[in-house]
Amino acid sequence: MTAALPADGIIARAFGGAVIASATAPGPASYDDYGQRFVFVPAVGDMDHYALDVECRSTPVPPQLERSLRPYFSRLGVPFFDGWTRLEVSAKLSGRPVLERVNEIKGTCLFSDDENTVILRVDTSTHWIAVGRRRHFG
């Protein structure tokens, strides 16, 4: 069961919660290039830590990021913004800046720090969407 959702509507579901478009709902949020705010609303009573990243499918890849990350994402067999949104979510869950995570990726795990972190794709026809969860124990 998810918490009461605004009338904005559900974009996607993940981890028993929902990604919605909302200007005011509380929760992990991300903005697309047009200023639309997306929020992940976890299931009622869920104590895990979540992160969200959203990019428009029409967004051009920034040239500097293209040079540094496209070869790595290509080796993984993922489109650029599939990899980028997962990298952003991983950074948010770890509490570290995304550019710090970029500097760590050479020869390491790109998307998570440990077995307690899971990142799901819930893409739509218009957006790349990644939702990550870090398990809360205790």
N, C-alpha and C. Protein backbone atom coordinates (compact mmCIF):
# COMPACT_ATOMS: atom_id res chain seq x y z
N MET A 1 0.84 -1.17 0.00
CA MET A 1 0.00 0.00 0.00
C MET A 1 0.89 1.24 0.00
N THR A 2 0.59 2.21 -0.83
CA THR A 2 1.36 3.44 -0.86
C THR A 2 0.62 4.52 -0.07
N ALA A 3 1.38 5.51 0.34
CA ALA A 3 0.79 6.64 1.05
C ALA A 3 -0.18 7.35 0.11
N ALA A 4 -1.03 8.20 0.67
CA ALA A 4 -1.99 8.94 -0.14
C ALA A 4 -1.24 9.73 -1.21
N LEU A 5 -1.60 9.52 -2.45
CA LEU A 5 -0.92 10.17 -3.56
C LEU A 5 -1.70 11.39 -4.03
N PRO A 6 -0.99 12.45 -4.41
CA PRO A 6 -1.67 13.60 -4.99
C PRO A 6 -2.37 13.20 -6.28
N ALA A 7 -3.24 14.05 -6.75
CA ALA A 7 -4.00 13.76 -7.97
C ALA A 7 -3.13 13.76 -9.21
N ASP A 8 -1.83 14.10 -9.08
CA ASP A 8 -0.94 14.17 -10.23
C ASP A 8 -0.87 12.84 -10.99
N GLY A 9 -1.04 11.74 -10.29
CA GLY A 9 -1.02 10.44 -10.95
C GLY A 9 0.30 9.72 -10.83
N ILE A 10 0.21 8.42 -10.94
CA ILE A 10 1.39 7.56 -10.81
C ILE A 10 2.07 7.43 -12.16
N ILE A 11 3.38 7.67 -12.18
CA ILE A 11 4.18 7.53 -13.39
C ILE A 11 4.70 6.09 -13.50
N ALA A 12 5.16 5.54 -12.37
CA ALA A 12 5.72 4.19 -12.34
C ALA A 12 5.69 3.67 -10.91
N ARG A 13 5.88 2.37 -10.76
CA ARG A 13 5.92 1.75 -9.43
C ARG A 13 7.27 1.07 -9.23
N ALA A 14 7.76 1.14 -7.98
CA ALA A 14 9.02 0.48 -7.62
C ALA A 14 9.04 0.25 -6.12
N PHE A 15 9.56 -0.88 -5.69
CA PHE A 15 9.74 -1.19 -4.27
C PHE A 15 8.46 -1.03 -3.45
N GLY A 16 7.31 -1.25 -4.05
CA GLY A 16 6.04 -1.10 -3.34
C GLY A 16 5.56 0.33 -3.25
N GLY A 17 6.33 1.27 -3.75
CA GLY A 17 5.96 2.68 -3.75
C GLY A 17 5.66 3.15 -5.17
N ALA A 18 5.63 4.47 -5.35
CA ALA A 18 5.28 5.02 -6.66
C ALA A 18 6.10 6.26 -6.99
N VAL A 19 6.41 6.41 -8.27
CA VAL A 19 7.00 7.64 -8.79
C VAL A 19 5.84 8.46 -9.32
N ILE A 20 5.76 9.70 -8.86
CA ILE A 20 4.68 10.59 -9.29
C ILE A 20 5.28 11.91 -9.77
N ALA A 21 4.50 12.65 -10.55
CA ALA A 21 4.85 14.01 -10.91
C ALA A 21 4.12 14.91 -9.93
N SER A 22 4.87 15.68 -9.15
CA SER A 22 4.24 16.54 -8.14
C SER A 22 5.17 17.69 -7.78
N ALA A 23 4.60 18.86 -7.69
CA ALA A 23 5.37 20.03 -7.28
C ALA A 23 5.55 20.11 -5.77
N THR A 24 4.73 19.37 -5.01
CA THR A 24 4.74 19.57 -3.56
C THR A 24 4.89 18.32 -2.71
N ALA A 25 4.70 17.14 -3.27
CA ALA A 25 4.74 15.92 -2.44
C ALA A 25 6.12 15.73 -1.82
N PRO A 26 6.17 15.29 -0.56
CA PRO A 26 7.46 15.03 0.08
C PRO A 26 8.06 13.72 -0.44
N GLY A 27 9.36 13.62 -0.33
CA GLY A 27 10.05 12.40 -0.73
C GLY A 27 11.24 12.71 -1.62
N PRO A 28 12.04 11.70 -1.92
CA PRO A 28 13.17 11.90 -2.82
C PRO A 28 12.67 12.42 -4.16
N ALA A 29 13.29 13.49 -4.65
CA ALA A 29 12.79 14.15 -5.85
C ALA A 29 13.89 14.36 -6.88
N SER A 30 13.47 14.55 -8.12
CA SER A 30 14.36 14.86 -9.22
C SER A 30 13.59 15.72 -10.21
N TYR A 31 14.29 16.64 -10.86
CA TYR A 31 13.67 17.52 -11.85
C TYR A 31 14.18 17.16 -13.24
N ASP A 32 13.28 17.19 -14.23
CA ASP A 32 13.74 16.98 -15.60
C ASP A 32 14.18 18.32 -16.19
N ASP A 33 14.61 18.31 -17.45
CA ASP A 33 15.10 19.52 -18.11
C ASP A 33 14.06 20.61 -18.26
N TYR A 34 12.79 20.26 -18.16
CA TYR A 34 11.72 21.24 -18.31
C TYR A 34 11.22 21.76 -16.97
N GLY A 35 11.86 21.34 -15.88
CA GLY A 35 11.46 21.80 -14.56
C GLY A 35 10.36 20.98 -13.91
N GLN A 36 9.93 19.90 -14.56
CA GLN A 36 8.92 19.01 -13.96
C GLN A 36 9.56 18.25 -12.80
N ARG A 37 8.90 18.28 -11.66
CA ARG A 37 9.41 17.61 -10.46
C ARG A 37 8.77 16.23 -10.34
N PHE A 38 9.62 15.23 -10.16
CA PHE A 38 9.19 13.86 -9.94
C PHE A 38 9.58 13.47 -8.52
N VAL A 39 8.74 12.67 -7.87
CA VAL A 39 8.96 12.29 -6.48
C VAL A 39 8.74 10.79 -6.34
N PHE A 40 9.56 10.14 -5.50
CA PHE A 40 9.29 8.75 -5.15
C PHE A 40 8.58 8.74 -3.80
N VAL A 41 7.39 8.15 -3.76
CA VAL A 41 6.60 8.02 -2.54
C VAL A 41 6.69 6.56 -2.09
N PRO A 42 7.44 6.28 -1.01
CA PRO A 42 7.57 4.89 -0.57
C PRO A 42 6.26 4.36 0.02
N ALA A 43 6.20 3.05 0.17
CA ALA A 43 5.05 2.42 0.80
C ALA A 43 4.93 2.91 2.24
N VAL A 44 3.71 2.94 2.75
CA VAL A 44 3.46 3.37 4.13
C VAL A 44 4.29 2.51 5.08
N GLY A 45 4.99 3.14 6.00
CA GLY A 45 5.77 2.43 7.00
C GLY A 45 7.14 1.97 6.54
N ASP A 46 7.47 2.18 5.29
CA ASP A 46 8.76 1.75 4.76
C ASP A 46 9.86 2.65 5.33
N MET A 47 10.86 2.05 5.95
CA MET A 47 11.92 2.82 6.60
C MET A 47 13.22 2.83 5.80
N ASP A 48 13.24 2.23 4.60
CA ASP A 48 14.45 2.22 3.80
C ASP A 48 14.76 3.61 3.27
N HIS A 49 16.00 3.80 2.82
CA HIS A 49 16.45 5.07 2.27
C HIS A 49 16.34 4.98 0.74
N TYR A 50 15.72 5.98 0.11
CA TYR A 50 15.49 5.95 -1.33
C TYR A 50 16.11 7.15 -2.03
N ALA A 51 16.38 6.99 -3.32
CA ALA A 51 16.85 8.08 -4.17
C ALA A 51 16.21 7.92 -5.54
N LEU A 52 16.08 9.03 -6.24
CA LEU A 52 15.42 9.07 -7.55
C LEU A 52 16.23 9.96 -8.48
N ASP A 53 16.34 9.55 -9.75
CA ASP A 53 16.89 10.44 -10.76
C ASP A 53 16.09 10.27 -12.04
N VAL A 54 15.80 11.40 -12.68
CA VAL A 54 14.97 11.43 -13.89
C VAL A 54 15.67 12.31 -14.93
N GLU A 55 15.71 11.83 -16.17
CA GLU A 55 16.23 12.61 -17.30
C GLU A 55 15.27 12.44 -18.47
N CYS A 56 15.06 13.53 -19.21
CA CYS A 56 14.24 13.45 -20.42
C CYS A 56 14.98 12.64 -21.48
N ARG A 57 14.24 11.85 -22.22
CA ARG A 57 14.86 11.09 -23.31
C ARG A 57 15.38 12.02 -24.41
N SER A 58 14.82 13.23 -24.50
CA SER A 58 15.24 14.18 -25.53
C SER A 58 16.47 14.99 -25.13
N THR A 59 16.96 14.81 -23.91
CA THR A 59 18.11 15.57 -23.42
C THR A 59 19.38 15.17 -24.17
N PRO A 60 20.11 16.14 -24.73
CA PRO A 60 21.39 15.79 -25.35
C PRO A 60 22.43 15.46 -24.27
N VAL A 61 23.33 14.56 -24.60
CA VAL A 61 24.38 14.18 -23.65
C VAL A 61 25.40 15.32 -23.59
N PRO A 62 25.71 15.83 -22.38
CA PRO A 62 26.72 16.88 -22.26
C PRO A 62 28.07 16.37 -22.80
N PRO A 63 28.75 17.16 -23.65
CA PRO A 63 29.98 16.69 -24.31
C PRO A 63 31.06 16.17 -23.34
N GLN A 64 31.28 16.87 -22.24
CA GLN A 64 32.32 16.43 -21.31
C GLN A 64 31.98 15.07 -20.69
N LEU A 65 30.72 14.89 -20.31
CA LEU A 65 30.31 13.59 -19.77
C LEU A 65 30.35 12.52 -20.84
N GLU A 66 30.00 12.90 -22.06
CA GLU A 66 30.06 11.96 -23.19
C GLU A 66 31.48 11.40 -23.33
N ARG A 67 32.46 12.26 -23.32
CA ARG A 67 33.85 11.82 -23.48
C ARG A 67 34.30 10.91 -22.35
N SER A 68 33.92 11.26 -21.13
CA SER A 68 34.43 10.49 -20.00
C SER A 68 33.64 9.23 -19.68
N LEU A 69 32.34 9.21 -19.96
CA LEU A 69 31.51 8.08 -19.53
C LEU A 69 30.99 7.18 -20.63
N ARG A 70 30.82 7.69 -21.84
CA ARG A 70 30.25 6.86 -22.91
C ARG A 70 31.04 5.55 -23.10
N PRO A 71 32.38 5.57 -23.11
CA PRO A 71 33.10 4.29 -23.28
C PRO A 71 32.77 3.29 -22.17
N TYR A 72 32.64 3.77 -20.95
CA TYR A 72 32.34 2.87 -19.83
C TYR A 72 30.92 2.31 -19.96
N PHE A 73 29.96 3.18 -20.22
CA PHE A 73 28.58 2.71 -20.37
C PHE A 73 28.46 1.76 -21.56
N SER A 74 29.19 2.03 -22.64
CA SER A 74 29.16 1.14 -23.80
C SER A 74 29.68 -0.25 -23.45
N ARG A 75 30.74 -0.32 -22.66
CA ARG A 75 31.26 -1.63 -22.23
C ARG A 75 30.22 -2.39 -21.40
N LEU A 76 29.42 -1.65 -20.64
CA LEU A 76 28.36 -2.28 -19.85
C LEU A 76 27.13 -2.61 -20.69
N GLY A 77 27.09 -2.07 -21.92
CA GLY A 77 25.96 -2.32 -22.80
C GLY A 77 24.71 -1.54 -22.44
N VAL A 78 24.88 -0.35 -21.83
CA VAL A 78 23.72 0.45 -21.46
C VAL A 78 23.76 1.80 -22.17
N PRO A 79 22.60 2.34 -22.57
CA PRO A 79 22.56 3.69 -23.14
C PRO A 79 23.07 4.71 -22.11
N PHE A 80 23.54 5.85 -22.61
CA PHE A 80 24.17 6.84 -21.73
C PHE A 80 23.29 7.20 -20.53
N PHE A 81 22.05 7.63 -20.76
CA PHE A 81 21.23 8.10 -19.64
C PHE A 81 20.71 6.97 -18.76
N ASP A 82 20.69 5.75 -19.25
CA ASP A 82 20.43 4.60 -18.37
C ASP A 82 21.54 4.54 -17.32
N GLY A 83 22.78 4.59 -17.79
CA GLY A 83 23.91 4.56 -16.87
C GLY A 83 23.99 5.79 -15.99
N TRP A 84 23.76 6.96 -16.58
CA TRP A 84 23.87 8.21 -15.82
C TRP A 84 22.85 8.27 -14.68
N THR A 85 21.60 7.90 -14.94
CA THR A 85 20.60 7.98 -13.87
C THR A 85 20.92 6.99 -12.75
N ARG A 86 21.43 5.81 -13.10
CA ARG A 86 21.84 4.87 -12.05
C ARG A 86 23.03 5.41 -11.26
N LEU A 87 23.97 6.05 -11.96
CA LEU A 87 25.11 6.65 -11.28
C LEU A 87 24.66 7.75 -10.32
N GLU A 88 23.74 8.60 -10.76
CA GLU A 88 23.19 9.66 -9.90
C GLU A 88 22.52 9.08 -8.66
N VAL A 89 21.71 8.04 -8.84
CA VAL A 89 21.02 7.41 -7.71
C VAL A 89 22.04 6.80 -6.75
N SER A 90 23.05 6.14 -7.28
CA SER A 90 24.09 5.56 -6.44
C SER A 90 24.79 6.64 -5.61
N ALA A 91 25.08 7.77 -6.24
CA ALA A 91 25.71 8.89 -5.52
C ALA A 91 24.80 9.43 -4.43
N LYS A 92 23.53 9.61 -4.76
CA LYS A 92 22.59 10.12 -3.76
C LYS A 92 22.47 9.18 -2.57
N LEU A 93 22.41 7.87 -2.83
CA LEU A 93 22.29 6.91 -1.74
C LEU A 93 23.56 6.84 -0.89
N SER A 94 24.70 7.09 -1.50
CA SER A 94 25.96 7.03 -0.76
C SER A 94 26.27 8.35 -0.06
N GLY A 95 25.52 9.41 -0.40
CA GLY A 95 25.77 10.71 0.21
C GLY A 95 27.01 11.40 -0.32
N ARG A 96 27.45 10.98 -1.50
CA ARG A 96 28.65 11.57 -2.11
C ARG A 96 28.27 12.26 -3.42
N PRO A 97 29.03 13.28 -3.82
CA PRO A 97 28.74 13.96 -5.09
C PRO A 97 28.88 13.01 -6.27
N VAL A 98 28.05 13.20 -7.29
CA VAL A 98 28.09 12.32 -8.45
C VAL A 98 29.44 12.38 -9.16
N LEU A 99 30.07 13.55 -9.20
CA LEU A 99 31.37 13.62 -9.87
C LEU A 99 32.45 12.85 -9.12
N GLU A 100 32.29 12.71 -7.82
CA GLU A 100 33.19 11.84 -7.07
C GLU A 100 32.99 10.39 -7.49
N ARG A 101 31.74 10.00 -7.69
CA ARG A 101 31.43 8.64 -8.16
C ARG A 101 32.00 8.42 -9.56
N VAL A 102 31.92 9.44 -10.42
CA VAL A 102 32.49 9.33 -11.77
C VAL A 102 33.97 9.02 -11.68
N ASN A 103 34.67 9.68 -10.78
CA ASN A 103 36.11 9.45 -10.64
C ASN A 103 36.44 8.07 -10.10
N GLU A 104 35.49 7.41 -9.45
CA GLU A 104 35.71 6.09 -8.88
C GLU A 104 35.44 4.95 -9.84
N ILE A 105 34.79 5.20 -10.96
CA ILE A 105 34.27 4.09 -11.75
C ILE A 105 35.32 3.27 -12.48
N LYS A 106 36.48 3.78 -12.65
CA LYS A 106 37.49 3.03 -13.39
C LYS A 106 37.80 1.72 -12.66
N GLY A 107 37.31 0.63 -13.19
CA GLY A 107 37.59 -0.68 -12.63
C GLY A 107 36.83 -1.03 -11.38
N THR A 108 35.78 -0.29 -11.07
CA THR A 108 35.00 -0.59 -9.87
C THR A 108 33.53 -0.73 -10.22
N CYS A 109 32.75 -1.08 -9.22
CA CYS A 109 31.30 -1.18 -9.41
C CYS A 109 30.73 0.22 -9.55
N LEU A 110 30.05 0.45 -10.63
CA LEU A 110 29.55 1.79 -10.92
C LEU A 110 28.33 2.17 -10.13
N PHE A 111 27.39 1.26 -9.97
CA PHE A 111 26.07 1.67 -9.56
C PHE A 111 25.74 1.52 -8.09
N SER A 112 26.50 0.77 -7.32
CA SER A 112 26.17 0.65 -5.90
C SER A 112 27.42 0.35 -5.10
N ASP A 113 27.31 0.57 -3.81
CA ASP A 113 28.44 0.36 -2.91
C ASP A 113 28.41 -0.98 -2.21
N ASP A 114 27.24 -1.57 -2.06
CA ASP A 114 27.15 -2.80 -1.28
C ASP A 114 25.92 -3.60 -1.66
N GLU A 115 25.81 -4.79 -1.06
CA GLU A 115 24.70 -5.68 -1.39
C GLU A 115 23.36 -5.20 -0.84
N ASN A 116 23.36 -4.17 -0.01
CA ASN A 116 22.12 -3.63 0.55
C ASN A 116 21.49 -2.55 -0.33
N THR A 117 22.13 -2.26 -1.47
CA THR A 117 21.64 -1.24 -2.38
C THR A 117 21.12 -1.88 -3.66
N VAL A 118 19.91 -1.50 -4.05
CA VAL A 118 19.30 -1.99 -5.28
C VAL A 118 18.80 -0.79 -6.07
N ILE A 119 19.08 -0.79 -7.38
CA ILE A 119 18.60 0.28 -8.25
C ILE A 119 17.73 -0.34 -9.33
N LEU A 120 16.50 0.16 -9.45
CA LEU A 120 15.56 -0.33 -10.46
C LEU A 120 15.35 0.71 -11.55
N ARG A 121 15.11 0.25 -12.76
CA ARG A 121 14.74 1.10 -13.88
C ARG A 121 13.22 1.07 -13.99
N VAL A 122 12.62 2.24 -14.11
CA VAL A 122 11.18 2.35 -14.34
C VAL A 122 10.94 3.39 -15.45
N ASP A 123 11.69 3.25 -16.53
CA ASP A 123 11.65 4.20 -17.63
C ASP A 123 10.27 4.28 -18.27
N THR A 124 10.00 5.45 -18.84
CA THR A 124 8.79 5.66 -19.63
C THR A 124 9.20 5.99 -21.06
N SER A 125 8.24 6.22 -21.91
CA SER A 125 8.57 6.58 -23.29
C SER A 125 9.20 7.97 -23.39
N THR A 126 9.05 8.79 -22.36
CA THR A 126 9.58 10.16 -22.39
C THR A 126 10.73 10.41 -21.43
N HIS A 127 10.94 9.51 -20.47
CA HIS A 127 11.95 9.76 -19.43
C HIS A 127 12.74 8.50 -19.08
N TRP A 128 14.02 8.71 -18.75
CA TRP A 128 14.85 7.70 -18.11
C TRP A 128 14.62 7.89 -16.62
N ILE A 129 14.24 6.83 -15.91
CA ILE A 129 13.94 6.95 -14.48
C ILE A 129 14.61 5.81 -13.73
N ALA A 130 15.40 6.17 -12.73
CA ALA A 130 16.03 5.18 -11.85
C ALA A 130 15.60 5.47 -10.41
N VAL A 131 15.23 4.41 -9.69
CA VAL A 131 14.88 4.50 -8.27
C VAL A 131 15.80 3.54 -7.53
N GLY A 132 16.44 4.05 -6.50
CA GLY A 132 17.34 3.20 -5.71
C GLY A 132 16.88 3.08 -4.28
N ARG A 133 17.22 1.94 -3.68
CA ARG A 133 16.88 1.69 -2.28
C ARG A 133 18.11 1.17 -1.55
N ARG A 134 18.35 1.75 -0.40
CA ARG A 134 19.35 1.21 0.52
C ARG A 134 18.59 0.70 1.72
N ARG A 135 18.76 -0.58 2.02
CA ARG A 135 18.03 -1.22 3.11
C ARG A 135 18.38 -0.58 4.45
N HIS A 136 17.34 -0.40 5.26
CA HIS A 136 17.50 0.12 6.63
C HIS A 136 17.39 -1.06 7.57
N PHE A 137 18.40 -1.26 8.38
CA PHE A 137 18.38 -2.35 9.36
C PHE A 137 18.42 -1.74 10.75
N GLY A 138 17.48 -2.18 11.59
CA GLY A 138 17.53 -1.70 12.97
C GLY A 138 16.33 -1.04 13.44
